[in-house]
Amino acid sequence: MEKLEQLLTRAESVLGRLEAMLPPAAPDVDWAGAVAFRWRKRQGRGFLQPVPSISAISFTDLQNIDRQKELIEQNTRQFVQKQPANNVLLTGARGTGKSSLIKACLNAHSKDGLRLIEVDKDDLHDLGDIVDLISTRPERFIVFCDDLSFEEGESGYKALKVALDGSVAAQSDNVLIYATSNRRHLLPEYMSDNETYKHTADGEIHPGEVVEEKISLSERFGLWVSFYPFKQDDYLAIVAHWLRHFGCDEAGGEAARGDALMWALERGSRSGRVAWQFARDWSGRRAQA
């Protein structure tokens, strides 16, 4: 009997140590407490972390991208209204409003049940688990992958292909994937890729397997939206908008034009992000003068 008690004591000790090694249970998701979430990992277990506050940007804050706004807002409205809609790939110049446009969609439609889940590139292989977690929810979810690009052999590339259109299971009706990237095809393109093109007897040119593989992921997004560098007048119009936003009058906006151009020259870019950064700096310094 004494040996049995010793054995049970040792067993309980071993079980206690094993329990300490197990990852903690994932916290319950507070669906009512937030409209945006991040997919996080803790000791190998994924969970949705609420984002308590998000950027208050609106469609009117996004200047000189009217066509892009129209396409994204229409697709998102269809999705929220439970109509057919597409996964979206937003590509192009840095700082032109790709990510901000998605946030503006969330702000415009969160009252209608739209929710956003931000997923890092390294966690894309968890997309199946994320979809399983939210597929029975009444809300409509955008899975947001920001600044997405892959190097050769990265596992997230295959996982995203499967999630978009490569699994036996149908994509959940309440989930879309919106991704932003500076690369149209999401993978690096090399001069040597051109050597794989094939010429047929009738003069046609067909891409080889390497090129086909590189474009196969972007082709699974139903909607492509391209963004382009701003011209000088576009940049100055964005500067003027943000100066008004920060409380500067028209006279102040005119006085800032030269400084705004110098700021862009020093930064090597006339993007919307650079215009916003200049307006914050200029209006802040003016307020202290």
Protein backbone atom coordinates (compact mmCIF):
# COMPACT_ATOMS: atom_id res chain seq x y z
CA MET A 1 0.00 0.00 0.00
CA GLU A 2 2.84 2.33 0.89
CA LYS A 3 4.52 1.67 -2.46
CA LEU A 4 1.24 2.44 -4.25
CA GLU A 5 0.96 5.77 -2.45
CA GLN A 6 4.55 6.62 -3.39
CA LEU A 7 3.81 5.73 -7.01
CA LEU A 8 0.70 7.92 -7.04
CA THR A 9 2.63 10.79 -5.49
CA ARG A 10 5.33 10.53 -8.14
CA ALA A 11 2.71 10.30 -10.88
CA GLU A 12 1.00 13.44 -9.62
CA SER A 13 4.36 15.22 -9.55
CA VAL A 14 5.09 14.21 -13.14
CA LEU A 15 1.62 15.33 -14.27
CA GLY A 16 2.13 18.67 -12.54
CA ARG A 17 5.36 19.22 -14.43
CA LEU A 18 3.72 18.26 -17.72
CA GLU A 19 0.86 20.68 -17.12
CA ALA A 20 3.36 23.48 -16.56
CA MET A 21 4.89 22.72 -19.95
CA LEU A 22 1.59 22.86 -21.82
CA PRO A 23 0.62 26.16 -23.50
CA PRO A 24 -2.07 28.13 -21.69
CA ALA A 25 -5.62 27.92 -22.97
CA ALA A 26 -6.44 30.51 -25.61
CA PRO A 27 -8.41 33.42 -24.15
CA ASP A 28 -12.05 33.77 -25.15
CA VAL A 29 -12.54 36.30 -27.94
CA ASP A 30 -14.38 39.45 -26.90
CA TRP A 31 -16.29 39.87 -30.14
CA ALA A 32 -18.33 42.80 -28.81
CA GLY A 33 -15.31 44.70 -27.50
CA ALA A 34 -13.47 45.39 -30.77
CA VAL A 35 -13.90 45.54 -34.53
CA ALA A 36 -10.27 44.72 -35.34
CA PHE A 37 -8.10 41.83 -34.15
CA ARG A 38 -4.55 40.53 -34.56
CA TRP A 39 -3.65 36.86 -34.81
CA ARG A 40 -1.04 36.20 -32.14
CA LYS A 41 0.96 33.18 -30.98
CA ARG A 42 1.79 32.22 -27.39
CA GLN A 43 3.81 29.07 -26.77
CA GLY A 44 2.75 27.71 -30.12
CA ARG A 45 -0.97 28.35 -29.68
CA GLY A 46 -2.75 30.98 -31.77
CA PHE A 47 -5.44 33.35 -30.59
CA LEU A 48 -7.21 36.55 -31.64
CA GLN A 49 -6.06 39.65 -29.78
CA PRO A 50 -8.49 42.61 -29.86
CA VAL A 51 -7.14 45.93 -31.11
CA PRO A 52 -8.63 48.49 -28.70
CA SER A 53 -8.32 51.50 -30.99
CA ILE A 54 -7.83 51.82 -34.74
CA SER A 55 -6.97 54.65 -37.09
CA ALA A 56 -9.94 56.97 -37.60
CA ILE A 57 -9.14 57.50 -41.28
CA SER A 58 -12.10 57.91 -43.63
CA PHE A 59 -12.60 57.76 -47.40
CA THR A 60 -12.56 61.57 -47.60
CA ASP A 61 -9.04 61.60 -46.13
CA LEU A 62 -7.73 59.58 -49.07
CA GLN A 63 -7.01 61.97 -51.91
CA ASN A 64 -6.30 61.38 -55.61
CA ILE A 65 -7.11 57.66 -55.57
CA ASP A 66 -10.79 57.95 -56.52
CA ARG A 67 -10.84 54.95 -58.88
CA GLN A 68 -9.15 52.72 -56.30
CA LYS A 69 -11.57 53.88 -53.59
CA GLU A 70 -14.53 53.11 -55.83
CA LEU A 71 -13.35 49.57 -56.58
CA ILE A 72 -12.48 48.63 -52.99
CA GLU A 73 -15.53 50.26 -51.41
CA GLN A 74 -17.89 48.61 -53.90
CA ASN A 75 -16.36 45.17 -53.34
CA THR A 76 -16.50 45.62 -49.57
CA ARG A 77 -20.10 46.82 -49.68
CA GLN A 78 -21.08 43.74 -51.68
CA PHE A 79 -19.37 41.55 -49.10
CA VAL A 80 -21.06 43.25 -46.13
CA GLN A 81 -24.43 42.91 -47.86
CA LYS A 82 -23.80 39.16 -48.33
CA GLN A 83 -23.45 39.47 -52.08
CA PRO A 84 -20.67 37.80 -54.10
CA ALA A 85 -17.34 39.61 -53.67
CA ASN A 86 -13.67 38.97 -54.40
CA ASN A 87 -10.44 38.62 -52.49
CA VAL A 88 -8.38 41.75 -53.21
CA LEU A 89 -4.70 42.40 -53.94
CA LEU A 90 -3.66 46.05 -53.68
CA THR A 91 -0.26 46.70 -55.26
CA GLY A 92 1.90 49.63 -56.19
CA ALA A 93 3.88 52.56 -54.92
CA ARG A 94 4.72 52.96 -51.25
CA GLY A 95 2.66 55.36 -49.16
CA THR A 96 -0.16 55.83 -51.67
CA GLY A 97 -2.99 54.65 -49.42
CA LYS A 98 -3.23 50.88 -49.86
CA SER A 99 -3.43 49.98 -46.17
CA SER A 100 -5.29 53.18 -45.26
CA LEU A 101 -8.01 52.34 -47.77
CA ILE A 102 -8.67 49.01 -46.06
CA LYS A 103 -8.85 50.73 -42.67
CA ALA A 104 -11.28 53.28 -44.12
CA CYS A 105 -13.49 50.39 -45.29
CA LEU A 106 -13.51 48.99 -41.77
CA ASN A 107 -14.45 52.36 -40.28
CA ALA A 108 -17.24 52.82 -42.82
CA HIS A 109 -18.78 49.36 -42.45
CA SER A 110 -18.00 48.17 -38.92
CA LYS A 111 -21.50 49.23 -37.87
CA ASP A 112 -22.81 46.78 -40.48
CA GLY A 113 -20.88 43.86 -39.00
CA LEU A 114 -17.55 44.15 -40.82
CA ARG A 115 -14.54 43.01 -38.81
CA LEU A 116 -10.82 42.88 -39.61
CA ILE A 117 -8.18 40.32 -38.62
CA GLU A 118 -4.55 41.26 -39.26
CA VAL A 119 -2.27 38.29 -39.93
CA ASP A 120 1.51 38.48 -40.23
CA LYS A 121 3.21 36.75 -43.13
CA ASP A 122 4.90 34.28 -40.79
CA ASP A 123 1.49 33.12 -39.51
CA LEU A 124 -0.19 32.52 -42.86
CA HIS A 125 0.00 28.76 -42.34
CA ASP A 126 -2.59 29.33 -39.57
CA LEU A 127 -5.20 30.65 -42.02
CA GLY A 128 -7.13 27.39 -41.89
CA ASP A 129 -7.39 27.60 -38.10
CA ILE A 130 -8.46 31.25 -38.28
CA VAL A 131 -11.21 30.50 -40.78
CA ASP A 132 -12.43 27.57 -38.67
CA LEU A 133 -12.62 29.90 -35.67
CA ILE A 134 -14.77 32.53 -37.40
CA SER A 135 -16.70 30.58 -40.04
CA THR A 136 -19.84 30.25 -37.90
CA ARG A 137 -19.82 33.85 -36.66
CA PRO A 138 -22.50 36.25 -37.96
CA GLU A 139 -19.97 39.01 -38.69
CA ARG A 140 -18.17 39.51 -42.01
CA PHE A 141 -14.38 39.22 -41.73
CA ILE A 142 -11.56 40.70 -43.79
CA VAL A 143 -8.30 38.84 -43.20
CA PHE A 144 -5.72 41.60 -43.74
CA CYS A 145 -2.15 40.82 -44.84
CA ASP A 146 -0.13 44.04 -45.02
CA ASP A 147 3.04 44.65 -47.05
CA LEU A 148 3.05 41.10 -48.32
CA SER A 149 5.91 39.62 -50.32
CA PHE A 150 7.68 36.28 -50.32
CA GLU A 151 11.15 34.98 -50.93
CA GLU A 152 11.81 31.68 -52.64
CA GLY A 153 10.70 28.67 -50.58
CA GLU A 154 8.74 30.47 -47.84
CA SER A 155 5.98 28.29 -46.41
CA GLY A 156 3.41 31.09 -46.16
CA TYR A 157 3.27 31.30 -49.96
CA LYS A 158 1.75 27.83 -50.32
CA ALA A 159 -0.57 28.35 -47.35
CA LEU A 160 -2.01 31.52 -48.89
CA LYS A 161 -2.49 29.81 -52.25
CA VAL A 162 -4.49 27.06 -50.59
CA ALA A 163 -6.56 29.52 -48.57
CA LEU A 164 -7.43 31.54 -51.67
CA ASP A 165 -8.39 28.74 -54.01
CA GLY A 166 -6.71 25.41 -53.60
CA SER A 167 -8.43 23.41 -50.91
CA VAL A 168 -11.06 20.71 -51.14
CA ALA A 169 -13.16 22.77 -48.72
CA ALA A 170 -14.97 25.81 -50.09
CA GLN A 171 -13.91 29.23 -48.83
CA SER A 172 -16.12 30.43 -46.00
CA ASP A 173 -18.80 32.88 -47.15
CA ASN A 174 -18.05 35.32 -44.33
CA VAL A 175 -14.30 35.67 -45.00
CA LEU A 176 -12.33 37.60 -47.62
CA ILE A 177 -8.58 38.16 -47.86
CA TYR A 178 -7.28 41.67 -48.57
CA ALA A 179 -3.52 41.91 -49.11
CA THR A 180 -1.22 44.84 -49.89
CA SER A 181 2.16 44.55 -51.58
CA ASN A 182 4.74 46.53 -53.51
CA ARG A 183 5.05 43.53 -55.86
CA ARG A 184 2.32 42.57 -58.31
CA HIS A 185 3.25 38.89 -58.25
CA LEU A 186 4.37 38.78 -54.58
CA LEU A 187 7.59 36.90 -55.44
CA PRO A 188 10.95 38.28 -56.63
CA GLU A 189 11.30 38.31 -60.41
CA TYR A 190 14.69 37.71 -62.02
CA MET A 191 16.08 38.31 -65.49
CA SER A 192 16.72 34.57 -65.75
CA ASP A 193 12.97 33.94 -65.53
CA ASN A 194 12.65 35.27 -69.09
CA GLU A 195 14.71 32.32 -70.34
CA THR A 196 11.90 29.93 -69.39
CA TYR A 197 9.44 31.43 -71.91
CA LYS A 198 8.54 29.05 -74.74
CA HIS A 199 8.06 29.98 -78.39
CA THR A 200 5.50 27.94 -80.33
CA ALA A 201 5.56 27.17 -84.04
CA ASP A 202 2.86 29.75 -84.77
CA GLY A 203 4.87 32.53 -83.11
CA GLU A 204 3.08 32.66 -79.77
CA ILE A 205 5.02 33.09 -76.51
CA HIS A 206 4.04 31.12 -73.40
CA PRO A 207 5.51 31.54 -69.92
CA GLY A 208 7.53 28.66 -68.52
CA GLU A 209 6.87 26.80 -65.29
CA VAL A 210 8.90 29.21 -63.15
CA VAL A 211 6.93 32.23 -64.34
CA GLU A 212 3.61 30.36 -64.15
CA GLU A 213 4.31 29.50 -60.52
CA LYS A 214 5.18 33.09 -59.67
CA ILE A 215 1.98 34.53 -61.12
CA SER A 216 -0.26 31.73 -59.86
CA LEU A 217 -0.71 33.28 -56.40
CA SER A 218 -1.65 36.78 -57.53
CA GLU A 219 -4.08 35.30 -60.08
CA ARG A 220 -6.08 33.78 -57.23
CA PHE A 221 -7.08 37.25 -56.06
CA GLY A 222 -10.25 38.11 -57.94
CA LEU A 223 -9.67 41.86 -57.81
CA TRP A 224 -6.37 43.61 -58.53
CA VAL A 225 -6.13 47.29 -57.63
CA SER A 226 -3.01 49.21 -58.64
CA PHE A 227 -1.65 52.40 -57.03
CA TYR A 228 0.74 54.82 -58.73
CA PRO A 229 3.19 57.53 -57.58
CA PHE A 230 1.61 60.95 -57.16
CA LYS A 231 2.40 63.93 -59.36
CA GLN A 232 3.52 67.15 -57.70
CA ASP A 233 0.07 68.76 -57.83
CA ASP A 234 -1.49 65.63 -56.32
CA TYR A 235 1.06 65.66 -53.52
CA LEU A 236 0.42 69.33 -52.75
CA ALA A 237 -3.34 68.73 -52.72
CA ILE A 238 -2.86 65.97 -50.15
CA VAL A 239 -0.64 68.27 -48.07
CA ALA A 240 -3.35 70.95 -48.16
CA HIS A 241 -5.99 68.44 -47.04
CA TRP A 242 -3.99 67.32 -44.03
CA LEU A 243 -3.03 70.87 -43.09
CA ARG A 244 -6.74 71.72 -42.94
CA HIS A 245 -7.27 68.56 -40.91
CA PHE A 246 -4.68 69.77 -38.38
CA GLY A 247 -6.30 73.21 -38.13
CA CYS A 248 -4.30 75.35 -40.56
CA ASP A 249 -6.12 77.98 -42.61
CA GLU A 250 -5.83 78.51 -46.37
CA ALA A 251 -3.14 81.16 -45.96
CA GLY A 252 -1.06 78.76 -43.91
CA GLY A 253 -1.51 76.09 -46.55
CA GLU A 254 -0.21 78.40 -49.27
CA ALA A 255 2.76 79.37 -47.14
CA ALA A 256 3.64 75.71 -46.64
CA ARG A 257 3.94 74.77 -50.33
CA GLY A 258 7.65 75.47 -50.65
CA ASP A 259 8.46 73.65 -47.43
CA ALA A 260 6.28 70.73 -48.53
CA LEU A 261 8.20 70.36 -51.78
CA MET A 262 11.53 70.54 -49.98
CA TRP A 263 10.31 67.90 -47.49
CA ALA A 264 9.39 65.59 -50.37
CA LEU A 265 12.74 66.18 -52.07
CA GLU A 266 14.61 65.28 -48.90
CA ARG A 267 12.54 62.14 -48.46
CA GLY A 268 12.80 61.12 -52.10
CA SER A 269 9.06 60.60 -52.37
CA ARG A 270 5.81 62.49 -52.99
CA SER A 271 3.58 59.86 -51.43
CA GLY A 272 0.47 60.42 -49.36
CA ARG A 273 2.33 59.17 -46.31
CA VAL A 274 5.07 61.78 -46.80
CA ALA A 275 2.40 64.49 -47.23
CA TRP A 276 0.74 63.43 -43.96
CA GLN A 277 4.08 63.40 -42.14
CA PHE A 278 4.93 66.87 -43.44
CA ALA A 279 1.54 68.27 -42.41
CA ARG A 280 1.97 66.92 -38.88
CA ASP A 281 5.43 68.43 -38.59
CA TRP A 282 4.57 71.79 -40.14
CA SER A 283 1.30 72.34 -38.27
CA GLY A 284 2.92 71.29 -34.98
CA ARG A 285 5.81 73.72 -35.38
CA ARG A 286 3.44 76.50 -36.46
CA ALA A 287 1.31 75.96 -33.35
CA GLN A 288 4.37 76.50 -31.15
CA ALA A 289 5.58 79.60 -32.98
